[in-house]
Amino acid sequence: VSFTGIRTYRPDSVKGRFTISRDMAKSTVTLEMN
């Protein structure tokens, strides 16, 4: 994920299953894996 949180990238192997997100208030980055 870009530092703005606007742009993300995932390879095809995890598309539809992994989601990356930023919490700017907490300065953390989360990876949800389903």
Full PDB file with SEQRES, HELIX, SHEET, SSBOND, CRYST1, ORIGX, SCALE, CONECT and MASTER records, all heavy atoms in Angstrom:
SEQRES   1 A   34  VAL SER PHE THR GLY ILE ARG THR TYR ARG PRO ASP SER          
SEQRES   2 A   34  VAL LYS GLY ARG PHE THR ILE SER ARG ASP MET ALA LYS          
SEQRES   3 A   34  SER THR VAL THR LEU GLU MET ASN                              
SHEET    1 AA1 2 PHE A  18  ASP A  23  0                                        
SHEET    2 AA1 2 THR A  28  MET A  33 -1                                        
CRYST1    1.000    1.000    1.000  90.00  90.00  90.00 P 1           1          
ORIGX1      1.000000  0.000000  0.000000        0.00000                         
ORIGX2      0.000000  1.000000  0.000000        0.00000                         
ORIGX3      0.000000  0.000000  1.000000        0.00000                         
SCALE1      1.000000  0.000000  0.000000        0.00000                         
SCALE2      0.000000  1.000000  0.000000        0.00000                         
SCALE3      0.000000  0.000000  1.000000        0.00000                         
ATOM      1  N   VAL A   1       0.851  -1.182   0.000  1.00  0.00           N  
ATOM      2  CA  VAL A   1       0.000   0.000   0.000  1.00  0.00           C  
ATOM      3  C   VAL A   1       0.892   1.240   0.000  1.00  0.00           C  
ATOM      4  O   VAL A   1       1.942   1.272   0.640  1.00  0.00           O  
ATOM      5  CB  VAL A   1      -0.948  -0.001   1.225  1.00  0.00           C  
ATOM      6  CG1 VAL A   1      -0.175  -0.014   2.537  1.00  0.00           C  
ATOM      7  CG2 VAL A   1      -1.915   1.181   1.189  1.00  0.00           C  
ATOM      8  N   SER A   2       0.465   2.247  -0.764  1.00  0.00           N  
ATOM      9  CA  SER A   2       1.228   3.485  -0.823  1.00  0.00           C  
ATOM     10  C   SER A   2       1.105   4.244   0.488  1.00  0.00           C  
ATOM     11  O   SER A   2       0.211   3.968   1.303  1.00  0.00           O  
ATOM     12  CB  SER A   2       0.726   4.346  -1.979  1.00  0.00           C  
ATOM     13  OG  SER A   2      -0.620   4.741  -1.740  1.00  0.00           O  
ATOM     14  N   PHE A   3       1.969   5.224   0.697  1.00  0.00           N  
ATOM     15  CA  PHE A   3       1.956   5.944   1.967  1.00  0.00           C  
ATOM     16  C   PHE A   3       0.665   6.744   2.150  1.00  0.00           C  
ATOM     17  O   PHE A   3       0.252   7.010   3.266  1.00  0.00           O  
ATOM     18  CB  PHE A   3       3.183   6.854   2.107  1.00  0.00           C  
ATOM     19  CG  PHE A   3       3.158   8.089   1.234  1.00  0.00           C  
ATOM     20  CD1 PHE A   3       2.695   9.291   1.740  1.00  0.00           C  
ATOM     21  CD2 PHE A   3       3.609   8.055  -0.074  1.00  0.00           C  
ATOM     22  CE1 PHE A   3       2.680  10.436   0.956  1.00  0.00           C  
ATOM     23  CE2 PHE A   3       3.597   9.179  -0.868  1.00  0.00           C  
ATOM     24  CZ  PHE A   3       3.126  10.384  -0.355  1.00  0.00           C  
ATOM     25  N   THR A   4      -0.003   7.076   1.041  1.00  0.00           N  
ATOM     26  CA  THR A   4      -1.280   7.787   1.143  1.00  0.00           C  
ATOM     27  C   THR A   4      -2.428   6.842   1.469  1.00  0.00           C  
ATOM     28  O   THR A   4      -3.496   7.277   1.878  1.00  0.00           O  
ATOM     29  CB  THR A   4      -1.621   8.482  -0.184  1.00  0.00           C  
ATOM     30  OG1 THR A   4      -1.749   7.473  -1.202  1.00  0.00           O  
ATOM     31  CG2 THR A   4      -0.547   9.487  -0.560  1.00  0.00           C  
ATOM     32  N   GLY A   5      -2.195   5.542   1.230  1.00  0.00           N  
ATOM     33  CA  GLY A   5      -3.269   4.574   1.414  1.00  0.00           C  
ATOM     34  C   GLY A   5      -4.172   4.443   0.208  1.00  0.00           C  
ATOM     35  O   GLY A   5      -5.088   3.614   0.184  1.00  0.00           O  
ATOM     36  N   ILE A   6      -3.933   5.249  -0.806  1.00  0.00           N  
ATOM     37  CA  ILE A   6      -4.811   5.269  -1.978  1.00  0.00           C  
ATOM     38  C   ILE A   6      -4.514   4.118  -2.933  1.00  0.00           C  
ATOM     39  O   ILE A   6      -5.413   3.488  -3.488  1.00  0.00           O  
ATOM     40  CB  ILE A   6      -4.685   6.618  -2.715  1.00  0.00           C  
ATOM     41  CG1 ILE A   6      -5.219   7.741  -1.828  1.00  0.00           C  
ATOM     42  CG2 ILE A   6      -5.429   6.581  -4.046  1.00  0.00           C  
ATOM     43  CD1 ILE A   6      -5.025   9.130  -2.388  1.00  0.00           C  
ATOM     44  N   ARG A   7      -3.231   3.869  -3.139  1.00  0.00           N  
ATOM     45  CA  ARG A   7      -2.860   2.824  -4.114  1.00  0.00           C  
ATOM     46  C   ARG A   7      -2.454   1.540  -3.390  1.00  0.00           C  
ATOM     47  O   ARG A   7      -1.694   1.571  -2.438  1.00  0.00           O  
ATOM     48  CB  ARG A   7      -1.712   3.314  -4.979  1.00  0.00           C  
ATOM     49  CG  ARG A   7      -2.060   4.539  -5.786  1.00  0.00           C  
ATOM     50  CD  ARG A   7      -1.018   4.840  -6.856  1.00  0.00           C  
ATOM     51  NE  ARG A   7      -1.322   6.087  -7.546  1.00  0.00           N  
ATOM     52  CZ  ARG A   7      -2.174   6.183  -8.541  1.00  0.00           C  
ATOM     53  NH1 ARG A   7      -2.807   5.103  -8.968  1.00  0.00           N  
ATOM     54  NH2 ARG A   7      -2.378   7.346  -9.129  1.00  0.00           N  
ATOM     55  N   THR A   8      -2.986   0.434  -3.882  1.00  0.00           N  
ATOM     56  CA  THR A   8      -2.602  -0.874  -3.359  1.00  0.00           C  
ATOM     57  C   THR A   8      -2.275  -1.806  -4.507  1.00  0.00           C  
ATOM     58  O   THR A   8      -2.665  -1.570  -5.650  1.00  0.00           O  
ATOM     59  CB  THR A   8      -3.724  -1.508  -2.509  1.00  0.00           C  
ATOM     60  OG1 THR A   8      -4.884  -1.702  -3.346  1.00  0.00           O  
ATOM     61  CG2 THR A   8      -4.099  -0.628  -1.338  1.00  0.00           C  
ATOM     62  N   TYR A   9      -1.554  -2.849  -4.194  1.00  0.00           N  
ATOM     63  CA  TYR A   9      -1.228  -3.860  -5.199  1.00  0.00           C  
ATOM     64  C   TYR A   9      -1.188  -5.221  -4.533  1.00  0.00           C  
ATOM     65  O   TYR A   9      -0.683  -5.363  -3.415  1.00  0.00           O  
ATOM     66  CB  TYR A   9       0.123  -3.585  -5.858  1.00  0.00           C  
ATOM     67  CG  TYR A   9       0.571  -4.742  -6.726  1.00  0.00           C  
ATOM     68  CD1 TYR A   9      -0.027  -4.977  -7.964  1.00  0.00           C  
ATOM     69  CD2 TYR A   9       1.551  -5.620  -6.284  1.00  0.00           C  
ATOM     70  CE1 TYR A   9       0.355  -6.061  -8.737  1.00  0.00           C  
ATOM     71  CE2 TYR A   9       1.938  -6.711  -7.058  1.00  0.00           C  
ATOM     72  CZ  TYR A   9       1.337  -6.918  -8.280  1.00  0.00           C  
ATOM     73  OH  TYR A   9       1.710  -7.987  -9.046  1.00  0.00           O  
ATOM     74  N   ARG A  10      -1.758  -6.210  -5.225  1.00  0.00           N  
ATOM     75  CA  ARG A  10      -1.674  -7.596  -4.795  1.00  0.00           C  
ATOM     76  C   ARG A  10      -1.450  -8.466  -6.026  1.00  0.00           C  
ATOM     77  O   ARG A  10      -2.056  -8.228  -7.066  1.00  0.00           O  
ATOM     78  CB  ARG A  10      -2.982  -8.048  -4.137  1.00  0.00           C  
ATOM     79  CG  ARG A  10      -3.247  -7.464  -2.791  1.00  0.00           C  
ATOM     80  CD  ARG A  10      -4.727  -7.461  -2.503  1.00  0.00           C  
ATOM     81  NE  ARG A  10      -5.425  -6.556  -3.399  1.00  0.00           N  
ATOM     82  CZ  ARG A  10      -6.726  -6.362  -3.387  1.00  0.00           C  
ATOM     83  NH1 ARG A  10      -7.470  -7.011  -2.528  1.00  0.00           N  
ATOM     84  NH2 ARG A  10      -7.294  -5.517  -4.224  1.00  0.00           N  
ATOM     85  N   PRO A  11      -0.634  -9.469  -5.918  1.00  0.00           N  
ATOM     86  CA  PRO A  11      -0.458 -10.386  -7.052  1.00  0.00           C  
ATOM     87  C   PRO A  11      -1.706 -11.242  -7.238  1.00  0.00           C  
ATOM     88  O   PRO A  11      -2.537 -11.356  -6.328  1.00  0.00           O  
ATOM     89  CB  PRO A  11       0.749 -11.232  -6.633  1.00  0.00           C  
ATOM     90  CG  PRO A  11       0.746 -11.174  -5.144  1.00  0.00           C  
ATOM     91  CD  PRO A  11       0.218  -9.830  -4.777  1.00  0.00           C  
ATOM     92  N   ASP A  12      -1.828 -11.856  -8.393  1.00  0.00           N  
ATOM     93  CA  ASP A  12      -3.014 -12.653  -8.715  1.00  0.00           C  
ATOM     94  C   ASP A  12      -3.232 -13.791  -7.715  1.00  0.00           C  
ATOM     95  O   ASP A  12      -4.373 -14.194  -7.467  1.00  0.00           O  
ATOM     96  CB  ASP A  12      -2.891 -13.224 -10.125  1.00  0.00           C  
ATOM     97  CG  ASP A  12      -3.040 -12.161 -11.193  1.00  0.00           C  
ATOM     98  OD1 ASP A  12      -3.549 -11.064 -10.875  1.00  0.00           O  
ATOM     99  OD2 ASP A  12      -2.638 -12.411 -12.340  1.00  0.00           O  
ATOM    100  N   SER A  13      -2.144 -14.290  -7.143  1.00  0.00           N  
ATOM    101  CA  SER A  13      -2.248 -15.446  -6.247  1.00  0.00           C  
ATOM    102  C   SER A  13      -3.079 -15.160  -4.993  1.00  0.00           C  
ATOM    103  O   SER A  13      -3.592 -16.083  -4.352  1.00  0.00           O  
ATOM    104  CB  SER A  13      -0.850 -15.926  -5.838  1.00  0.00           C  
ATOM    105  OG  SER A  13      -0.137 -14.885  -5.203  1.00  0.00           O  
ATOM    106  N   VAL A  14      -3.216 -13.870  -4.627  1.00  0.00           N  
ATOM    107  CA  VAL A  14      -3.965 -13.542  -3.408  1.00  0.00           C  
ATOM    108  C   VAL A  14      -5.144 -12.607  -3.667  1.00  0.00           C  
ATOM    109  O   VAL A  14      -5.872 -12.267  -2.727  1.00  0.00           O  
ATOM    110  CB  VAL A  14      -3.039 -12.918  -2.338  1.00  0.00           C  
ATOM    111  CG1 VAL A  14      -1.871 -13.838  -2.033  1.00  0.00           C  
ATOM    112  CG2 VAL A  14      -2.559 -11.544  -2.775  1.00  0.00           C  
ATOM    113  N   LYS A  15      -5.342 -12.200  -4.914  1.00  0.00           N  
ATOM    114  CA  LYS A  15      -6.458 -11.292  -5.220  1.00  0.00           C  
ATOM    115  C   LYS A  15      -7.782 -11.932  -4.832  1.00  0.00           C  
ATOM    116  O   LYS A  15      -8.000 -13.119  -5.073  1.00  0.00           O  
ATOM    117  CB  LYS A  15      -6.460 -10.934  -6.709  1.00  0.00           C  
ATOM    118  CG  LYS A  15      -5.585  -9.753  -7.038  1.00  0.00           C  
ATOM    119  CD  LYS A  15      -5.668  -9.386  -8.510  1.00  0.00           C  
ATOM    120  CE  LYS A  15      -4.741  -8.226  -8.810  1.00  0.00           C  
ATOM    121  NZ  LYS A  15      -4.692  -7.912 -10.249  1.00  0.00           N  
ATOM    122  N   GLY A  16      -8.633 -11.117  -4.230  1.00  0.00           N  
ATOM    123  CA  GLY A  16      -9.925 -11.621  -3.785  1.00  0.00           C  
ATOM    124  C   GLY A  16      -9.866 -12.282  -2.413  1.00  0.00           C  
ATOM    125  O   GLY A  16     -10.905 -12.622  -1.847  1.00  0.00           O  
ATOM    126  N   ARG A  17      -8.663 -12.489  -1.893  1.00  0.00           N  
ATOM    127  CA  ARG A  17      -8.508 -13.144  -0.584  1.00  0.00           C  
ATOM    128  C   ARG A  17      -7.789 -12.267   0.432  1.00  0.00           C  
ATOM    129  O   ARG A  17      -8.119 -12.292   1.614  1.00  0.00           O  
ATOM    130  CB  ARG A  17      -7.748 -14.461  -0.752  1.00  0.00           C  
ATOM    131  CG  ARG A  17      -8.405 -15.443  -1.707  1.00  0.00           C  
ATOM    132  CD  ARG A  17      -7.739 -16.815  -1.666  1.00  0.00           C  
ATOM    133  NE  ARG A  17      -6.333 -16.761  -2.063  1.00  0.00           N  
ATOM    134  CZ  ARG A  17      -5.336 -17.132  -1.268  1.00  0.00           C  
ATOM    135  NH1 ARG A  17      -5.572 -17.565  -0.041  1.00  0.00           N  
ATOM    136  NH2 ARG A  17      -4.083 -17.070  -1.710  1.00  0.00           N  
ATOM    137  N   PHE A  18      -6.791 -11.492   0.008  1.00  0.00           N  
ATOM    138  CA  PHE A  18      -6.004 -10.645   0.904  1.00  0.00           C  
ATOM    139  C   PHE A  18      -6.385  -9.185   0.686  1.00  0.00           C  
ATOM    140  O   PHE A  18      -6.542  -8.742  -0.459  1.00  0.00           O  
ATOM    141  CB  PHE A  18      -4.512 -10.804   0.638  1.00  0.00           C  
ATOM    142  CG  PHE A  18      -3.904 -12.118   1.062  1.00  0.00           C  
ATOM    143  CD1 PHE A  18      -4.699 -13.219   1.375  1.00  0.00           C  
ATOM    144  CD2 PHE A  18      -2.535 -12.257   1.156  1.00  0.00           C  
ATOM    145  CE1 PHE A  18      -4.141 -14.430   1.759  1.00  0.00           C  
ATOM    146  CE2 PHE A  18      -1.948 -13.455   1.543  1.00  0.00           C  
ATOM    147  CZ  PHE A  18      -2.759 -14.537   1.837  1.00  0.00           C  
ATOM    148  N   THR A  19      -6.475  -8.446   1.790  1.00  0.00           N  
ATOM    149  CA  THR A  19      -6.754  -7.014   1.720  1.00  0.00           C  
ATOM    150  C   THR A  19      -5.806  -6.280   2.651  1.00  0.00           C  
ATOM    151  O   THR A  19      -5.708  -6.625   3.832  1.00  0.00           O  
ATOM    152  CB  THR A  19      -8.200  -6.715   2.131  1.00  0.00           C  
ATOM    153  OG1 THR A  19      -9.100  -7.434   1.277  1.00  0.00           O  
ATOM    154  CG2 THR A  19      -8.482  -5.221   2.004  1.00  0.00           C  
ATOM    155  N   ILE A  20      -5.130  -5.269   2.118  1.00  0.00           N  
ATOM    156  CA  ILE A  20      -4.232  -4.450   2.932  1.00  0.00           C  
ATOM    157  C   ILE A  20      -4.890  -3.105   3.179  1.00  0.00           C  
ATOM    158  O   ILE A  20      -5.553  -2.556   2.299  1.00  0.00           O  
ATOM    159  CB  ILE A  20      -2.852  -4.292   2.238  1.00  0.00           C  
ATOM    160  CG1 ILE A  20      -1.856  -3.634   3.178  1.00  0.00           C  
ATOM    161  CG2 ILE A  20      -2.981  -3.501   0.935  1.00  0.00           C  
ATOM    162  CD1 ILE A  20      -0.423  -3.671   2.650  1.00  0.00           C  
ATOM    163  N   SER A  21      -4.721  -2.584   4.390  1.00  0.00           N  
ATOM    164  CA  SER A  21      -5.317  -1.291   4.707  1.00  0.00           C  
ATOM    165  C   SER A  21      -4.455  -0.574   5.734  1.00  0.00           C  
ATOM    166  O   SER A  21      -3.707  -1.205   6.488  1.00  0.00           O  
ATOM    167  CB  SER A  21      -6.747  -1.463   5.239  1.00  0.00           C  
ATOM    168  OG  SER A  21      -6.749  -2.247   6.414  1.00  0.00           O  
ATOM    169  N   ARG A  22      -4.597   0.743   5.762  1.00  0.00           N  
ATOM    170  CA  ARG A  22      -3.847   1.557   6.712  1.00  0.00           C  
ATOM    171  C   ARG A  22      -4.817   2.199   7.699  1.00  0.00           C  
ATOM    172  O   ARG A  22      -5.932   2.580   7.336  1.00  0.00           O  
ATOM    173  CB  ARG A  22      -3.110   2.691   6.007  1.00  0.00           C  
ATOM    174  CG  ARG A  22      -2.270   2.333   4.846  1.00  0.00           C  
ATOM    175  CD  ARG A  22      -1.409   3.500   4.407  1.00  0.00           C  
ATOM    176  NE  ARG A  22      -0.347   3.717   5.374  1.00  0.00           N  
ATOM    177  CZ  ARG A  22       0.939   3.708   5.088  1.00  0.00           C  
ATOM    178  NH1 ARG A  22       1.326   3.470   3.841  1.00  0.00           N  
ATOM    179  NH2 ARG A  22       1.838   3.920   6.008  1.00  0.00           N  
ATOM    180  N   ASP A  23      -4.346   2.325   8.927  1.00  0.00           N  
ATOM    181  CA  ASP A  23      -5.054   3.120   9.929  1.00  0.00           C  
ATOM    182  C   ASP A  23      -4.131   4.289  10.251  1.00  0.00           C  
ATOM    183  O   ASP A  23      -3.166   4.145  11.006  1.00  0.00           O  
ATOM    184  CB  ASP A  23      -5.352   2.287  11.184  1.00  0.00           C  
ATOM    185  CG  ASP A  23      -6.193   3.046  12.183  1.00  0.00           C  
ATOM    186  OD1 ASP A  23      -6.068   4.295  12.269  1.00  0.00           O  
ATOM    187  OD2 ASP A  23      -6.986   2.399  12.902  1.00  0.00           O  
ATOM    188  N   MET A  24      -4.427   5.428   9.648  1.00  0.00           N  
ATOM    189  CA  MET A  24      -3.535   6.582   9.803  1.00  0.00           C  
ATOM    190  C   MET A  24      -3.513   7.084  11.239  1.00  0.00           C  
ATOM    191  O   MET A  24      -2.500   7.559  11.733  1.00  0.00           O  
ATOM    192  CB  MET A  24      -3.973   7.705   8.856  1.00  0.00           C  
ATOM    193  CG  MET A  24      -3.800   7.381   7.382  1.00  0.00           C  
ATOM    194  SD  MET A  24      -2.079   7.035   6.949  1.00  0.00           S  
ATOM    195  CE  MET A  24      -2.098   7.320   5.190  1.00  0.00           C  
ATOM    196  N   ALA A  25      -4.616   6.981  11.931  1.00  0.00           N  
ATOM    197  CA  ALA A  25      -4.676   7.469  13.305  1.00  0.00           C  
ATOM    198  C   ALA A  25      -3.777   6.633  14.226  1.00  0.00           C  
ATOM    199  O   ALA A  25      -3.151   7.162  15.147  1.00  0.00           O  
ATOM    200  CB  ALA A  25      -6.118   7.435  13.797  1.00  0.00           C  
ATOM    201  N   LYS A  26      -3.702   5.333  13.958  1.00  0.00           N  
ATOM    202  CA  LYS A  26      -2.893   4.449  14.791  1.00  0.00           C  
ATOM    203  C   LYS A  26      -1.512   4.175  14.187  1.00  0.00           C  
ATOM    204  O   LYS A  26      -0.691   3.526  14.838  1.00  0.00           O  
ATOM    205  CB  LYS A  26      -3.617   3.117  14.999  1.00  0.00           C  
ATOM    206  CG  LYS A  26      -4.926   3.225  15.759  1.00  0.00           C  
ATOM    207  CD  LYS A  26      -5.574   1.860  15.931  1.00  0.00           C  
ATOM    208  CE  LYS A  26      -6.886   1.956  16.687  1.00  0.00           C  
ATOM    209  NZ  LYS A  26      -7.542   0.633  16.842  1.00  0.00           N  
ATOM    210  N   SER A  27      -1.286   4.657  12.973  1.00  0.00           N  
ATOM    211  CA  SER A  27      -0.024   4.396  12.251  1.00  0.00           C  
ATOM    212  C   SER A  27       0.265   2.904  12.152  1.00  0.00           C  
ATOM    213  O   SER A  27       1.375   2.442  12.453  1.00  0.00           O  
ATOM    214  CB  SER A  27       1.148   5.104  12.951  1.00  0.00           C  
ATOM    215  OG  SER A  27       0.997   6.497  12.870  1.00  0.00           O  
ATOM    216  N   THR A  28      -0.744   2.165  11.777  1.00  0.00           N  
ATOM    217  CA  THR A  28      -0.588   0.720  11.599  1.00  0.00           C  
ATOM    218  C   THR A  28      -1.070   0.320  10.209  1.00  0.00           C  
ATOM    219  O   THR A  28      -1.830   1.046   9.567  1.00  0.00           O  
ATOM    220  CB  THR A  28      -1.380  -0.075  12.649  1.00  0.00           C  
ATOM    221  OG1 THR A  28      -2.767   0.287  12.553  1.00  0.00           O  
ATOM    222  CG2 THR A  28      -0.882   0.214  14.054  1.00  0.00           C  
ATOM    223  N   VAL A  29      -0.624  -0.844   9.779  1.00  0.00           N  
ATOM    224  CA  VAL A  29      -1.060  -1.414   8.512  1.00  0.00           C  
ATOM    225  C   VAL A  29      -1.512  -2.845   8.780  1.00  0.00           C  
ATOM    226  O   VAL A  29      -0.801  -3.607   9.434  1.00  0.00           O  
ATOM    227  CB  VAL A  29       0.060  -1.393   7.461  1.00  0.00           C  
ATOM    228  CG1 VAL A  29      -0.383  -2.106   6.192  1.00  0.00           C  
ATOM    229  CG2 VAL A  29       0.467   0.049   7.152  1.00  0.00           C  
ATOM    230  N   THR A  30      -2.679  -3.171   8.277  1.00  0.00           N  
ATOM    231  CA  THR A  30      -3.285  -4.477   8.533  1.00  0.00           C  
ATOM    232  C   THR A  30      -3.401  -5.278   7.242  1.00  0.00           C  
ATOM    233  O   THR A  30      -3.696  -4.717   6.186  1.00  0.00           O  
ATOM    234  CB  THR A  30      -4.689  -4.301   9.154  1.00  0.00           C  
ATOM    235  OG1 THR A  30      -4.553  -3.634  10.400  1.00  0.00           O  
ATOM    236  CG2 THR A  30      -5.353  -5.649   9.375  1.00  0.00           C  
ATOM    237  N   LEU A  31      -3.151  -6.569   7.352  1.00  0.00           N  
ATOM    238  CA  LEU A  31      -3.360  -7.482   6.234  1.00  0.00           C  
ATOM    239  C   LEU A  31      -4.428  -8.482   6.645  1.00  0.00           C  
ATOM    240  O   LEU A  31      -4.220  -9.287   7.552  1.00  0.00           O  
ATOM    241  CB  LEU A  31      -2.070  -8.216   5.871  1.00  0.00           C  
ATOM    242  CG  LEU A  31      -2.180  -9.183   4.683  1.00  0.00           C  
ATOM    243  CD1 LEU A  31      -2.446  -8.405   3.394  1.00  0.00           C  
ATOM    244  CD2 LEU A  31      -0.914 -10.024   4.548  1.00  0.00           C  
ATOM    245  N   GLU A  32      -5.581  -8.392   6.005  1.00  0.00           N  
ATOM    246  CA  GLU A  32      -6.660  -9.345   6.221  1.00  0.00           C  
ATOM    247  C   GLU A  32      -6.506 -10.475   5.214  1.00  0.00           C  
ATOM    248  O   GLU A  32      -6.463 -10.227   4.003  1.00  0.00           O  
ATOM    249  CB  GLU A  32      -8.015  -8.671   6.016  1.00  0.00           C  
ATOM    250  CG  GLU A  32      -8.338  -7.571   6.993  1.00  0.00           C  
ATOM    251  CD  GLU A  32      -9.033  -8.083   8.240  1.00  0.00           C  
ATOM    252  OE1 GLU A  32      -9.222  -9.310   8.354  1.00  0.00           O  
ATOM    253  OE2 GLU A  32      -9.356  -7.262   9.107  1.00  0.00           O  
ATOM    254  N   MET A  33      -6.440 -11.705   5.726  1.00  0.00           N  
ATOM    255  CA  MET A  33      -6.258 -12.862   4.846  1.00  0.00           C  
ATOM    256  C   MET A  33      -7.434 -13.810   5.036  1.00  0.00           C  
ATOM    257  O   MET A  33      -7.671 -14.293   6.145  1.00  0.00           O  
ATOM    258  CB  MET A  33      -4.938 -13.566   5.177  1.00  0.00           C  
ATOM    259  CG  MET A  33      -3.729 -12.652   5.099  1.00  0.00           C  
ATOM    260  SD  MET A  33      -2.178 -13.534   5.324  1.00  0.00           S  
ATOM    261  CE  MET A  33      -2.331 -14.085   7.019  1.00  0.00           C  
ATOM    262  N   ASN A  34      -8.161 -14.034   3.959  1.00  0.00           N  
ATOM    263  CA  ASN A  34      -9.326 -14.912   3.998  1.00  0.00           C  
ATOM    264  C   ASN A  34      -9.132 -16.093   3.045  1.00  0.00           C  
ATOM    265  O   ASN A  34      -8.289 -16.040   2.138  1.00  0.00           O  
ATOM    266  CB  ASN A  34     -10.586 -14.133   3.599  1.00  0.00           C  
ATOM    267  CG  ASN A  34     -10.876 -12.994   4.548  1.00  0.00           C  
ATOM    268  OD1 ASN A  34     -10.896 -13.181   5.765  1.00  0.00           O  
ATOM    269  ND2 ASN A  34     -11.110 -11.815   3.999  1.00  0.00           N  
TER     270      ASN A  34                                                      
MASTER        0    0    0    0    2    0    0    6  269    1    0    3          
END                                                                             
